[in-house]
Amino acid sequence: MITRIAAAAVLAMSSAAIPATQASAADLTKISASSCIGNAGSTGSKCIDLTGTKLHVESVTATLTKNHADNCGRATISIGRNYVTTSGKICAASRFEFTDKVGLSFPDGTPACISWSNYPDSRACVTIHK
C-alpha cells in the first residue's frame, strides 16, 4: 500500500536501500502511487508518480506543470536519506518531466519525494509501504 502525502517537509528517516535481489516473494504485487502539490498558475503543480512492487521501486517520475514559460530547472528525486538523484537542466514551455529508473527496494515507511529547483517552495511526496 502507498500512502499519499503532499507536504513541504517530510520526517527524516534512517533508510538504506536494499538490493532488488533481496526482495521477498511476498513483494510481488504491482503497486503505484502519485501525489501532487501546488498550482500551475502560481507555484507550479509538482507531482510524483512512483511505480513498483510493494517495497521495490521500479521508477519515479517528477513533473512540473506551470501556466507560463519563464525559466529552466532541475528535478530532484529523493527516497529515504540515502537515495538522491538530480536531472540535468530541463527547459520547457509549460510541462517539465524527469523519470529515474530506480530498481531498488526500501524499508517499509520510507518517504519518496520530488522537488524542482525553479520552484523550490514545496515537494510532492509518497510513502512506501508493504
N, C-alpha and C. Protein backbone atom coordinates (compact mmCIF):
# COMPACT_ATOMS: atom_id res chain seq x y z
N MET A 1 0.84 -1.16 0.00
CA MET A 1 0.00 0.00 0.00
C MET A 1 0.89 1.23 0.00
N ILE A 2 0.50 2.26 -0.74
CA ILE A 2 1.22 3.52 -0.77
C ILE A 2 0.34 4.56 -0.10
N THR A 3 0.90 5.32 0.82
CA THR A 3 0.18 6.41 1.46
C THR A 3 0.58 7.69 0.78
N ARG A 4 -0.39 8.50 0.41
CA ARG A 4 -0.09 9.75 -0.29
C ARG A 4 0.15 10.86 0.73
N ILE A 5 1.17 11.66 0.46
CA ILE A 5 1.49 12.82 1.29
C ILE A 5 1.77 13.98 0.35
N ALA A 6 1.29 15.13 0.65
CA ALA A 6 1.68 16.33 -0.07
C ALA A 6 2.08 17.33 1.01
N ALA A 7 3.38 17.51 1.17
CA ALA A 7 3.84 18.36 2.27
C ALA A 7 5.13 19.05 1.89
N ALA A 8 5.39 20.16 2.55
CA ALA A 8 6.63 20.88 2.33
C ALA A 8 7.79 20.22 3.03
N ALA A 9 7.50 19.41 4.03
CA ALA A 9 8.57 18.73 4.76
C ALA A 9 8.14 17.30 5.08
N VAL A 10 9.08 16.40 5.10
CA VAL A 10 8.84 15.01 5.45
C VAL A 10 9.81 14.66 6.56
N LEU A 11 9.35 13.88 7.54
CA LEU A 11 10.25 13.48 8.62
C LEU A 11 11.44 12.72 8.07
N ALA A 12 12.61 13.07 8.51
CA ALA A 12 13.82 12.35 8.09
C ALA A 12 13.81 10.98 8.73
N MET A 13 14.06 9.98 7.94
CA MET A 13 14.07 8.61 8.43
C MET A 13 15.38 7.95 8.06
N SER A 14 15.83 7.05 8.87
CA SER A 14 17.04 6.29 8.55
C SER A 14 16.63 5.14 7.66
N SER A 15 17.04 5.17 6.40
CA SER A 15 16.68 4.09 5.49
C SER A 15 17.78 3.90 4.47
N ALA A 16 18.24 2.69 4.37
CA ALA A 16 19.23 2.33 3.37
C ALA A 16 18.55 1.45 2.34
N ALA A 17 18.93 1.60 1.09
CA ALA A 17 18.34 0.79 0.03
C ALA A 17 18.74 -0.67 0.22
N ILE A 18 17.79 -1.56 -0.09
CA ILE A 18 18.03 -3.00 -0.06
C ILE A 18 18.14 -3.44 -1.51
N PRO A 19 19.20 -4.13 -1.92
CA PRO A 19 19.30 -4.56 -3.31
C PRO A 19 18.06 -5.34 -3.75
N ALA A 20 17.65 -5.15 -4.99
CA ALA A 20 16.45 -5.80 -5.51
C ALA A 20 16.51 -7.30 -5.38
N THR A 21 17.69 -7.89 -5.39
CA THR A 21 17.82 -9.34 -5.29
C THR A 21 17.39 -9.84 -3.91
N GLN A 22 17.26 -8.95 -2.91
CA GLN A 22 16.83 -9.36 -1.59
C GLN A 22 15.34 -9.18 -1.37
N ALA A 23 14.60 -8.70 -2.37
CA ALA A 23 13.16 -8.54 -2.23
C ALA A 23 12.53 -9.92 -2.11
N SER A 24 11.60 -10.07 -1.19
CA SER A 24 10.98 -11.38 -0.94
C SER A 24 9.87 -11.67 -1.93
N ALA A 25 9.45 -12.93 -1.99
CA ALA A 25 8.36 -13.35 -2.87
C ALA A 25 7.06 -12.66 -2.48
N ALA A 26 6.92 -12.23 -1.24
CA ALA A 26 5.72 -11.53 -0.79
C ALA A 26 5.62 -10.13 -1.39
N ASP A 27 6.69 -9.65 -2.01
CA ASP A 27 6.72 -8.30 -2.56
C ASP A 27 6.34 -8.27 -4.05
N LEU A 28 5.53 -9.21 -4.52
CA LEU A 28 5.27 -9.32 -5.95
C LEU A 28 3.99 -8.65 -6.44
N THR A 29 3.23 -7.96 -5.58
CA THR A 29 2.03 -7.28 -6.00
C THR A 29 2.40 -5.93 -6.60
N LYS A 30 1.97 -5.68 -7.85
CA LYS A 30 2.28 -4.42 -8.53
C LYS A 30 1.54 -3.27 -7.87
N ILE A 31 2.23 -2.20 -7.57
CA ILE A 31 1.60 -1.03 -6.97
C ILE A 31 2.09 0.23 -7.67
N SER A 32 1.38 1.30 -7.47
CA SER A 32 1.84 2.60 -7.93
C SER A 32 1.16 3.66 -7.09
N ALA A 33 1.75 4.82 -7.06
CA ALA A 33 1.19 5.92 -6.29
C ALA A 33 1.56 7.23 -6.95
N SER A 34 0.74 8.24 -6.68
CA SER A 34 1.06 9.57 -7.17
C SER A 34 0.52 10.59 -6.18
N SER A 35 1.16 11.74 -6.18
CA SER A 35 0.74 12.83 -5.32
C SER A 35 1.18 14.12 -5.98
N CYS A 36 0.35 15.15 -5.84
CA CYS A 36 0.67 16.46 -6.41
C CYS A 36 0.49 17.54 -5.35
N ILE A 37 1.22 18.63 -5.54
CA ILE A 37 1.10 19.79 -4.67
C ILE A 37 1.33 21.03 -5.51
N GLY A 38 0.68 22.12 -5.14
CA GLY A 38 0.89 23.37 -5.85
C GLY A 38 -0.17 23.65 -6.89
N ASN A 39 0.02 24.74 -7.62
CA ASN A 39 -0.94 25.23 -8.58
C ASN A 39 -0.19 25.69 -9.82
N ALA A 40 -0.62 25.23 -10.98
CA ALA A 40 0.07 25.58 -12.23
C ALA A 40 0.09 27.08 -12.48
N GLY A 41 -0.87 27.81 -11.93
CA GLY A 41 -0.94 29.24 -12.15
C GLY A 41 -0.05 30.07 -11.25
N SER A 42 0.48 29.48 -10.18
CA SER A 42 1.33 30.28 -9.28
C SER A 42 2.64 29.57 -8.96
N THR A 43 2.63 28.64 -8.01
CA THR A 43 3.87 27.98 -7.58
C THR A 43 4.24 26.78 -8.43
N GLY A 44 3.48 26.50 -9.45
CA GLY A 44 3.72 25.32 -10.28
C GLY A 44 3.12 24.09 -9.62
N SER A 45 2.54 23.22 -10.40
CA SER A 45 1.99 21.96 -9.90
C SER A 45 3.09 20.91 -9.98
N LYS A 46 3.53 20.42 -8.82
CA LYS A 46 4.60 19.43 -8.74
C LYS A 46 4.00 18.08 -8.42
N CYS A 47 4.34 17.04 -9.21
CA CYS A 47 3.77 15.71 -9.00
C CYS A 47 4.86 14.64 -8.96
N ILE A 48 4.61 13.61 -8.15
CA ILE A 48 5.46 12.42 -8.11
C ILE A 48 4.60 11.24 -8.53
N ASP A 49 5.11 10.43 -9.43
CA ASP A 49 4.47 9.18 -9.85
C ASP A 49 5.48 8.07 -9.61
N LEU A 50 5.12 7.12 -8.76
CA LEU A 50 6.01 6.03 -8.37
C LEU A 50 5.40 4.71 -8.82
N THR A 51 6.19 3.86 -9.46
CA THR A 51 5.73 2.51 -9.82
C THR A 51 6.66 1.50 -9.17
N GLY A 52 6.09 0.37 -8.80
CA GLY A 52 6.90 -0.66 -8.17
C GLY A 52 6.07 -1.81 -7.66
N THR A 53 6.72 -2.65 -6.90
CA THR A 53 6.11 -3.84 -6.33
C THR A 53 6.35 -3.83 -4.83
N LYS A 54 5.33 -3.48 -4.06
CA LYS A 54 5.43 -3.33 -2.61
C LYS A 54 6.64 -2.47 -2.24
N LEU A 55 7.68 -3.04 -1.66
CA LEU A 55 8.83 -2.25 -1.21
C LEU A 55 9.86 -2.00 -2.32
N HIS A 56 9.67 -2.62 -3.47
CA HIS A 56 10.59 -2.44 -4.62
C HIS A 56 10.09 -1.29 -5.49
N VAL A 57 10.94 -0.31 -5.70
CA VAL A 57 10.61 0.84 -6.54
C VAL A 57 11.24 0.65 -7.90
N GLU A 58 10.40 0.55 -8.93
CA GLU A 58 10.91 0.40 -10.30
C GLU A 58 11.33 1.76 -10.87
N SER A 59 10.45 2.75 -10.77
CA SER A 59 10.77 4.06 -11.32
C SER A 59 10.00 5.16 -10.59
N VAL A 60 10.54 6.37 -10.70
CA VAL A 60 9.88 7.56 -10.15
C VAL A 60 9.92 8.63 -11.24
N THR A 61 8.76 9.27 -11.46
CA THR A 61 8.68 10.36 -12.41
C THR A 61 8.31 11.64 -11.68
N ALA A 62 9.06 12.69 -11.93
CA ALA A 62 8.79 14.01 -11.37
C ALA A 62 8.27 14.90 -12.49
N THR A 63 7.15 15.58 -12.26
CA THR A 63 6.63 16.52 -13.26
C THR A 63 6.38 17.87 -12.61
N LEU A 64 6.53 18.90 -13.40
CA LEU A 64 6.22 20.26 -13.00
C LEU A 64 5.40 20.85 -14.13
N THR A 65 4.20 21.32 -13.81
CA THR A 65 3.34 21.95 -14.80
C THR A 65 3.10 23.38 -14.36
N LYS A 66 3.26 24.32 -15.29
CA LYS A 66 3.02 25.73 -14.98
C LYS A 66 2.37 26.40 -16.18
N ASN A 67 1.68 27.48 -15.93
CA ASN A 67 0.93 28.17 -16.99
C ASN A 67 1.77 29.14 -17.80
N HIS A 68 3.03 29.30 -17.46
CA HIS A 68 3.87 30.24 -18.18
C HIS A 68 5.30 29.70 -18.27
N ALA A 69 5.97 30.05 -19.34
CA ALA A 69 7.36 29.62 -19.52
C ALA A 69 8.25 30.77 -19.09
N ASP A 70 8.96 30.59 -17.98
CA ASP A 70 9.80 31.69 -17.52
C ASP A 70 11.21 31.29 -17.17
N ASN A 71 11.50 30.00 -17.07
CA ASN A 71 12.86 29.60 -16.72
C ASN A 71 13.06 28.10 -16.91
N CYS A 72 14.25 27.65 -16.62
CA CYS A 72 14.61 26.24 -16.70
C CYS A 72 14.81 25.71 -15.28
N GLY A 73 14.82 24.40 -15.13
CA GLY A 73 15.01 23.86 -13.79
C GLY A 73 15.58 22.46 -13.82
N ARG A 74 15.84 21.94 -12.63
CA ARG A 74 16.32 20.57 -12.44
C ARG A 74 15.41 19.88 -11.44
N ALA A 75 15.08 18.63 -11.70
CA ALA A 75 14.27 17.84 -10.78
C ALA A 75 15.19 17.07 -9.84
N THR A 76 14.79 16.96 -8.58
CA THR A 76 15.50 16.12 -7.62
C THR A 76 14.51 15.08 -7.08
N ILE A 77 14.93 13.82 -7.13
CA ILE A 77 14.16 12.71 -6.58
C ILE A 77 14.94 12.18 -5.39
N SER A 78 14.28 12.10 -4.23
CA SER A 78 14.94 11.53 -3.05
C SER A 78 14.05 10.45 -2.47
N ILE A 79 14.69 9.34 -2.09
CA ILE A 79 13.99 8.23 -1.45
C ILE A 79 14.75 7.93 -0.17
N GLY A 80 14.10 8.15 0.95
CA GLY A 80 14.80 8.00 2.23
C GLY A 80 15.92 9.01 2.33
N ARG A 81 16.94 8.65 3.10
CA ARG A 81 18.06 9.56 3.30
C ARG A 81 19.25 9.24 2.41
N ASN A 82 19.24 8.07 1.77
CA ASN A 82 20.44 7.62 1.06
C ASN A 82 20.31 7.58 -0.47
N TYR A 83 19.13 7.84 -1.02
CA TYR A 83 18.97 7.79 -2.47
C TYR A 83 18.53 9.17 -2.96
N VAL A 84 19.39 9.84 -3.70
CA VAL A 84 19.07 11.15 -4.27
C VAL A 84 19.64 11.19 -5.68
N THR A 85 18.83 11.65 -6.62
CA THR A 85 19.30 11.85 -7.98
C THR A 85 18.72 13.16 -8.51
N THR A 86 19.50 13.87 -9.31
CA THR A 86 19.05 15.15 -9.86
C THR A 86 19.20 15.11 -11.38
N SER A 87 18.19 15.62 -12.05
CA SER A 87 18.21 15.65 -13.52
C SER A 87 19.20 16.69 -14.02
N GLY A 88 19.43 16.64 -15.30
CA GLY A 88 20.15 17.73 -15.95
C GLY A 88 19.20 18.91 -16.08
N LYS A 89 19.67 19.99 -16.66
CA LYS A 89 18.84 21.19 -16.85
C LYS A 89 17.73 20.89 -17.85
N ILE A 90 16.49 21.21 -17.47
CA ILE A 90 15.32 20.98 -18.32
C ILE A 90 14.66 22.33 -18.59
N CYS A 91 14.44 22.63 -19.86
CA CYS A 91 13.74 23.85 -20.26
C CYS A 91 12.54 23.43 -21.10
N ALA A 92 11.35 23.90 -20.72
CA ALA A 92 10.14 23.52 -21.44
C ALA A 92 9.14 24.67 -21.37
N ALA A 93 8.17 24.63 -22.26
CA ALA A 93 7.18 25.70 -22.30
C ALA A 93 6.26 25.69 -21.08
N SER A 94 5.72 24.53 -20.72
CA SER A 94 4.80 24.51 -19.58
C SER A 94 4.85 23.21 -18.78
N ARG A 95 5.41 22.15 -19.32
CA ARG A 95 5.45 20.88 -18.60
C ARG A 95 6.88 20.32 -18.62
N PHE A 96 7.44 20.15 -17.43
CA PHE A 96 8.77 19.59 -17.25
C PHE A 96 8.59 18.16 -16.75
N GLU A 97 9.43 17.22 -17.19
CA GLU A 97 9.31 15.84 -16.73
C GLU A 97 10.67 15.16 -16.67
N PHE A 98 10.87 14.37 -15.61
CA PHE A 98 12.11 13.61 -15.42
C PHE A 98 11.74 12.27 -14.80
N THR A 99 12.22 11.17 -15.41
CA THR A 99 11.97 9.82 -14.89
C THR A 99 13.30 9.16 -14.54
N ASP A 100 13.33 8.55 -13.36
CA ASP A 100 14.51 7.82 -12.91
C ASP A 100 14.14 6.35 -12.73
N LYS A 101 14.89 5.47 -13.36
CA LYS A 101 14.70 4.02 -13.20
C LYS A 101 15.46 3.59 -11.94
N VAL A 102 14.78 3.48 -10.82
CA VAL A 102 15.41 3.24 -9.53
C VAL A 102 15.88 1.79 -9.39
N GLY A 103 14.97 0.82 -9.49
CA GLY A 103 15.34 -0.60 -9.44
C GLY A 103 15.87 -1.08 -8.10
N LEU A 104 15.38 -0.51 -6.98
CA LEU A 104 15.83 -0.92 -5.64
C LEU A 104 14.64 -1.11 -4.72
N SER A 105 14.86 -1.83 -3.62
CA SER A 105 13.85 -1.97 -2.57
C SER A 105 14.25 -1.13 -1.37
N PHE A 106 13.23 -0.65 -0.63
CA PHE A 106 13.45 0.23 0.51
C PHE A 106 12.65 -0.26 1.70
N PRO A 107 13.05 0.11 2.91
CA PRO A 107 12.31 -0.30 4.11
C PRO A 107 10.88 0.26 4.13
N ASP A 108 9.98 -0.45 4.77
CA ASP A 108 8.61 -0.01 4.95
C ASP A 108 8.59 1.36 5.63
N GLY A 109 7.78 2.27 5.14
CA GLY A 109 7.68 3.60 5.72
C GLY A 109 8.63 4.63 5.15
N THR A 110 9.40 4.28 4.14
CA THR A 110 10.37 5.21 3.55
C THR A 110 9.65 6.26 2.70
N PRO A 111 9.94 7.55 2.92
CA PRO A 111 9.34 8.59 2.07
C PRO A 111 10.08 8.72 0.74
N ALA A 112 9.34 8.99 -0.31
CA ALA A 112 9.90 9.30 -1.63
C ALA A 112 9.34 10.66 -2.04
N CYS A 113 10.22 11.59 -2.39
CA CYS A 113 9.79 12.96 -2.69
C CYS A 113 10.47 13.48 -3.95
N ILE A 114 9.81 14.46 -4.57
CA ILE A 114 10.41 15.17 -5.70
C ILE A 114 10.34 16.67 -5.43
N SER A 115 11.30 17.39 -6.00
CA SER A 115 11.28 18.85 -5.93
C SER A 115 11.88 19.39 -7.22
N TRP A 116 11.66 20.67 -7.46
CA TRP A 116 12.17 21.34 -8.66
C TRP A 116 12.96 22.58 -8.26
N SER A 117 14.12 22.77 -8.84
CA SER A 117 14.98 23.90 -8.48
C SER A 117 14.36 25.25 -8.83
N ASN A 118 13.56 25.31 -9.88
CA ASN A 118 12.97 26.58 -10.29
C ASN A 118 11.69 26.93 -9.52
N TYR A 119 11.15 25.99 -8.75
CA TYR A 119 10.01 26.22 -7.85
C TYR A 119 10.28 25.46 -6.55
N PRO A 120 11.24 25.92 -5.74
CA PRO A 120 11.72 25.15 -4.59
C PRO A 120 10.86 25.25 -3.33
N ASP A 121 9.71 25.91 -3.39
CA ASP A 121 8.92 26.17 -2.20
C ASP A 121 8.27 24.94 -1.58
N SER A 122 8.10 23.86 -2.32
CA SER A 122 7.43 22.67 -1.78
C SER A 122 7.84 21.42 -2.54
N ARG A 123 7.52 20.27 -1.93
CA ARG A 123 7.82 18.96 -2.53
C ARG A 123 6.55 18.12 -2.54
N ALA A 124 6.45 17.24 -3.52
CA ALA A 124 5.38 16.25 -3.56
C ALA A 124 5.97 14.94 -3.09
N CYS A 125 5.26 14.21 -2.21
CA CYS A 125 5.81 13.00 -1.60
C CYS A 125 4.78 11.87 -1.52
N VAL A 126 5.28 10.65 -1.49
CA VAL A 126 4.50 9.46 -1.16
C VAL A 126 5.34 8.66 -0.17
N THR A 127 4.70 7.73 0.55
CA THR A 127 5.42 6.87 1.49
C THR A 127 5.31 5.43 1.02
N ILE A 128 6.43 4.74 0.99
CA ILE A 128 6.49 3.35 0.54
C ILE A 128 6.05 2.43 1.69
N HIS A 129 5.08 1.55 1.40
CA HIS A 129 4.57 0.60 2.39
C HIS A 129 4.45 -0.79 1.78
N LYS A 130 4.41 -1.80 2.63
CA LYS A 130 4.18 -3.17 2.18
C LYS A 130 2.78 -3.30 1.65
